[in-house]
Each structure stands twice: as C-alpha cells, then as structure tokens.
C-alpha atoms as a PDB file:
ATOM      1  CA  MET A   1    -167.185 120.778 102.821  1.00  0.00           C
ATOM      2  CA  SER A   2    -170.919 121.269 102.343  1.00  0.00           C
ATOM      3  CA  TYR A   3    -173.511 121.041 105.064  1.00  0.00           C
ATOM      4  CA  ASN A   4    -175.282 118.004 103.473  1.00  0.00           C
ATOM      5  CA  LYS A   5    -172.052 116.043 103.214  1.00  0.00           C
ATOM      6  CA  THR A   6    -171.174 116.764 106.831  1.00  0.00           C
ATOM      7  CA  MET A   7    -174.649 115.677 107.955  1.00  0.00           C
ATOM      8  CA  PHE A   8    -174.390 112.498 105.923  1.00  0.00           C
ATOM      9  CA  ILE A   9    -170.999 111.663 107.481  1.00  0.00           C
ATOM     10  CA  ASN A  10    -172.324 112.380 110.998  1.00  0.00           C
ATOM     11  CA  LYS A  11    -175.408 110.187 110.415  1.00  0.00           C
ATOM     12  CA  THR A  12    -173.242 107.400 109.081  1.00  0.00           C
ATOM     13  CA  LYS A  13    -170.982 107.543 112.113  1.00  0.00           C
ATOM     14  CA  ILE A  14    -173.955 107.468 114.502  1.00  0.00           C
ATOM     15  CA  PHE A  15    -175.467 104.542 112.604  1.00  0.00           C
ATOM     16  CA  LEU A  16    -172.204 102.522 112.634  1.00  0.00           C
ATOM     17  CA  PHE A  17    -171.563 103.228 116.323  1.00  0.00           C
ATOM     18  CA  SER A  18    -175.148 102.164 117.131  1.00  0.00           C
ATOM     19  CA  ILE A  19    -174.659  98.900 115.295  1.00  0.00           C
ATOM     20  CA  ILE A  20    -171.421  98.185 117.054  1.00  0.00           C
ATOM     21  CA  TYR A  21    -172.928  99.048 120.461  1.00  0.00           C
ATOM     22  CA  ALA A  22    -175.935  96.774 119.745  1.00  0.00           C
ATOM     23  CA  MET A  23    -173.606  93.851 118.867  1.00  0.00           C
ATOM     24  CA  LEU A  24    -171.560  94.364 122.009  1.00  0.00           C
ATOM     25  CA  ASN A  25    -174.626  94.716 124.185  1.00  0.00           C
ATOM     26  CA  ILE A  26    -176.229  91.536 122.783  1.00  0.00           C
ATOM     27  CA  GLY A  27    -173.012  89.668 123.546  1.00  0.00           C
ATOM     28  CA  THR A  28    -172.893  90.764 127.148  1.00  0.00           C
ATOM     29  CA  ALA A  29    -176.641  90.203 127.659  1.00  0.00           C
ATOM     30  CA  TYR A  30    -176.412  86.536 126.754  1.00  0.00           C
ATOM     31  CA  ALA A  31    -172.961  85.895 128.271  1.00  0.00           C
ATOM     32  CA  GLU A  32    -174.493  84.117 131.220  1.00  0.00           C
ATOM     33  CA  GLU A  33    -175.944  81.407 128.942  1.00  0.00           C
ATOM     34  CA  TYR A  34    -172.682  80.520 127.233  1.00  0.00           C
ATOM     35  CA  MET A  35    -169.825  78.522 128.708  1.00  0.00           C
ATOM     36  CA  LEU A  36    -166.306  78.998 127.490  1.00  0.00           C
ATOM     37  CA  VAL A  37    -164.992  75.527 126.490  1.00  0.00           C
ATOM     38  CA  ASN A  38    -161.326  74.749 125.849  1.00  0.00           C
ATOM     39  CA  PRO A  39    -161.263  73.714 122.159  1.00  0.00           C
ATOM     40  CA  ILE A  40    -157.786  72.144 122.144  1.00  0.00           C
ATOM     41  CA  ASN A  41    -158.140  70.071 125.367  1.00  0.00           C
ATOM     42  CA  ALA A  42    -154.859  71.251 126.760  1.00  0.00           C
ATOM     43  CA  GLY A  43    -154.345  71.611 130.465  1.00  0.00           C
ATOM     44  CA  THR A  44    -150.786  73.021 130.514  1.00  0.00           C
ATOM     45  CA  PHE A  45    -148.840  75.552 128.533  1.00  0.00           C
ATOM     46  CA  GLY A  46    -146.618  72.814 127.117  1.00  0.00           C
ATOM     47  CA  GLN A  47    -149.585  71.001 125.779  1.00  0.00           C
ATOM     48  CA  VAL A  48    -150.841  74.211 124.186  1.00  0.00           C
ATOM     49  CA  VAL A  49    -147.485  74.712 122.498  1.00  0.00           C
ATOM     50  CA  GLU A  50    -147.418  71.112 121.274  1.00  0.00           C
ATOM     51  CA  LYS A  51    -150.986  71.207 119.978  1.00  0.00           C
ATOM     52  CA  PHE A  52    -150.263  74.545 118.182  1.00  0.00           C
ATOM     53  CA  ALA A  53    -147.140  73.074 116.578  1.00  0.00           C
ATOM     54  CA  GLN A  54    -149.131  69.994 115.475  1.00  0.00           C
ATOM     55  CA  LEU A  55    -151.812  72.270 113.931  1.00  0.00           C
ATOM     56  CA  LEU A  56    -149.240  74.311 112.017  1.00  0.00           C
ATOM     57  CA  THR A  57    -147.666  71.186 110.750  1.00  0.00           C
ATOM     58  CA  LYS A  58    -150.999  69.618 109.665  1.00  0.00           C
ATOM     59  CA  ILE A  59    -151.794  72.810 107.773  1.00  0.00           C
ATOM     60  CA  GLY A  60    -148.300  73.534 106.417  1.00  0.00           C
ATOM     61  CA  ILE A  61    -147.343  70.059 105.060  1.00  0.00           C
ATOM     62  CA  PRO A  62    -150.240  69.919 102.483  1.00  0.00           C
ATOM     63  CA  ILE A  63    -149.493  73.484 101.448  1.00  0.00           C
ATOM     64  CA  ALA A  64    -145.797  72.570 100.981  1.00  0.00           C
ATOM     65  CA  THR A  65    -146.836  69.539  98.877  1.00  0.00           C
ATOM     66  CA  VAL A  66    -148.928  71.768  96.631  1.00  0.00           C
ATOM     67  CA  PHE A  67    -145.979  74.151  96.158  1.00  0.00           C
ATOM     68  CA  LEU A  68    -143.588  71.295  95.423  1.00  0.00           C
ATOM     69  CA  ILE A  69    -145.982  70.036  92.683  1.00  0.00           C
ATOM     70  CA  TRP A  70    -146.327  73.641  91.472  1.00  0.00           C
ATOM     71  CA  SER A  71    -142.514  74.045  91.229  1.00  0.00           C
ATOM     72  CA  GLY A  72    -142.380  70.747  89.325  1.00  0.00           C
ATOM     73  CA  LEU A  73    -144.892  72.011  86.838  1.00  0.00           C
ATOM     74  CA  LEU A  74    -142.866  75.226  86.527  1.00  0.00           C
ATOM     75  CA  PHE A  75    -139.788  73.157  85.689  1.00  0.00           C
ATOM     76  CA  VAL A  76    -141.677  71.160  83.060  1.00  0.00           C
ATOM     77  CA  THR A  77    -143.248  74.190  81.438  1.00  0.00           C
ATOM     78  CA  ALA A  78    -140.016  76.168  81.448  1.00  0.00           C
ATOM     79  CA  ARG A  79    -138.706  74.243  78.357  1.00  0.00           C
ATOM     80  CA  GLY A  80    -135.232  75.675  78.707  1.00  0.00           C
ATOM     81  CA  ASN A  81    -136.334  79.297  79.081  1.00  0.00           C
ATOM     82  CA  ASP A  82    -133.814  80.833  81.545  1.00  0.00           C
ATOM     83  CA  ASP A  83    -136.267  83.208  83.183  1.00  0.00           C
ATOM     84  CA  GLN A  84    -138.848  80.499  83.796  1.00  0.00           C
ATOM     85  CA  LEU A  85    -136.190  78.099  85.060  1.00  0.00           C
ATOM     86  CA  LYS A  86    -134.945  80.733  87.500  1.00  0.00           C
ATOM     87  CA  LYS A  87    -138.548  81.223  88.747  1.00  0.00           C
ATOM     88  CA  ALA A  88    -138.996  77.426  89.068  1.00  0.00           C
ATOM     89  CA  LYS A  89    -135.747  77.030  90.987  1.00  0.00           C
ATOM     90  CA  GLY A  90    -136.656  79.903  93.317  1.00  0.00           C
ATOM     91  CA  THR A  91    -140.084  78.385  93.989  1.00  0.00           C
ATOM     92  CA  PHE A  92    -138.542  74.962  94.663  1.00  0.00           C
ATOM     93  CA  TYR A  93    -135.764  76.428  96.903  1.00  0.00           C
ATOM     94  CA  TRP A  94    -138.173  78.536  99.056  1.00  0.00           C
ATOM     95  CA  THR A  95    -140.614  75.625  99.306  1.00  0.00           C
ATOM     96  CA  VAL A  96    -137.881  73.344 100.676  1.00  0.00           C
ATOM     97  CA  VAL A  97    -136.650  76.078 103.069  1.00  0.00           C
ATOM     98  CA  GLY A  98    -140.208  76.742 104.285  1.00  0.00           C
ATOM     99  CA  THR A  99    -140.847  73.002 104.806  1.00  0.00           C
ATOM    100  CA  ALA A 100    -137.555  72.663 106.680  1.00  0.00           C
ATOM    101  CA  ILE A 101    -138.475  75.615 108.947  1.00  0.00           C
ATOM    102  CA  LEU A 102    -141.904  74.124 109.526  1.00  0.00           C
ATOM    103  CA  VAL A 103    -140.661  70.671 110.430  1.00  0.00           C
ATOM    104  CA  GLY A 104    -137.816  72.172 112.439  1.00  0.00           C
ATOM    105  CA  ALA A 105    -140.178  74.408 114.450  1.00  0.00           C
ATOM    106  CA  TYR A 106    -142.316  71.359 115.273  1.00  0.00           C
ATOM    107  CA  ALA A 107    -139.264  69.388 116.361  1.00  0.00           C
ATOM    108  CA  ILE A 108    -137.903  72.285 118.460  1.00  0.00           C
ATOM    109  CA  ALA A 109    -141.347  72.847 120.083  1.00  0.00           C
ATOM    110  CA  SER A 110    -141.645  69.170 120.934  1.00  0.00           C
ATOM    111  CA  ALA A 111    -138.122  69.080 122.330  1.00  0.00           C
ATOM    112  CA  ILE A 112    -138.678  72.135 124.519  1.00  0.00           C
ATOM    113  CA  VAL A 113    -141.950  70.756 125.809  1.00  0.00           C
ATOM    114  CA  ASN A 114    -140.347  67.405 126.620  1.00  0.00           C
ATOM    115  CA  PHE A 115    -137.412  69.067 128.274  1.00  0.00           C
ATOM    116  CA  ALA A 116    -139.674  71.326 130.367  1.00  0.00           C
ATOM    117  CA  GLU A 117    -141.721  68.387 131.521  1.00  0.00           C
ATOM    118  CA  LYS A 118    -138.604  66.645 132.827  1.00  0.00           C
ATOM    119  CA  LEU A 119    -137.662  69.601 134.958  1.00  0.00           C
END
C-alpha cells in the first residue's frame, strides 16, 4: 500500500471520528434542555405490550390487504399458466398465514395482559 493511500485512509478515519464525537458531544451538551416523554402513554409493562400489539396490527392489516389484492391480481393474470398459478397460490397462502399469525399474536398478547392484570 502506498504512502498517499495510507495517509488518505488515516485522514478519513480522523475526520469521521471527529464528526461522530461532535454529534455525541452536542447531544450531551443540550441534554439538560430536553425532557424524555413517554410516547405511548403506558404506565405498566402490560400496557406497553398491548400498545405494541395494537401498533403491529394497525400496520400489518393494511399490508396484508395489499398482498391479498396482489395475490388476486396474480390469479387473474395467470390465465391458466401453471407456474404463475403456483406463484399466486403461494402468495395467497403465505398472506393468509401471516395475517393469521398477526391476529393471533394480538389475541395472545391481549389475553396474557388480561390474565396478568387479574393476578
């Protein structure tokens, strides 16, 4: 390795470390001005689990809907082609399985939280 290339690599390392240090230092300098706020408004661990499960469900259901529509389009555009029908069936199957896991996880999380609250 040549001397110029080594110097360039060293200068790049120093520059990157300086930037990282400056970002970390600015964050600690102004830390007294900021207050950490609970964004999900949960006071207990059970509420955190329940809110997280609700969030995943709110994100996952629309995605599952898009994939169900996509698999329907794959069925329509297959036109009897066995390879495309196999792809459409696989997409539909895994979309239904994923949706079932998503809804099941929400139900299990809610059941565990309700059971733990009754203890």
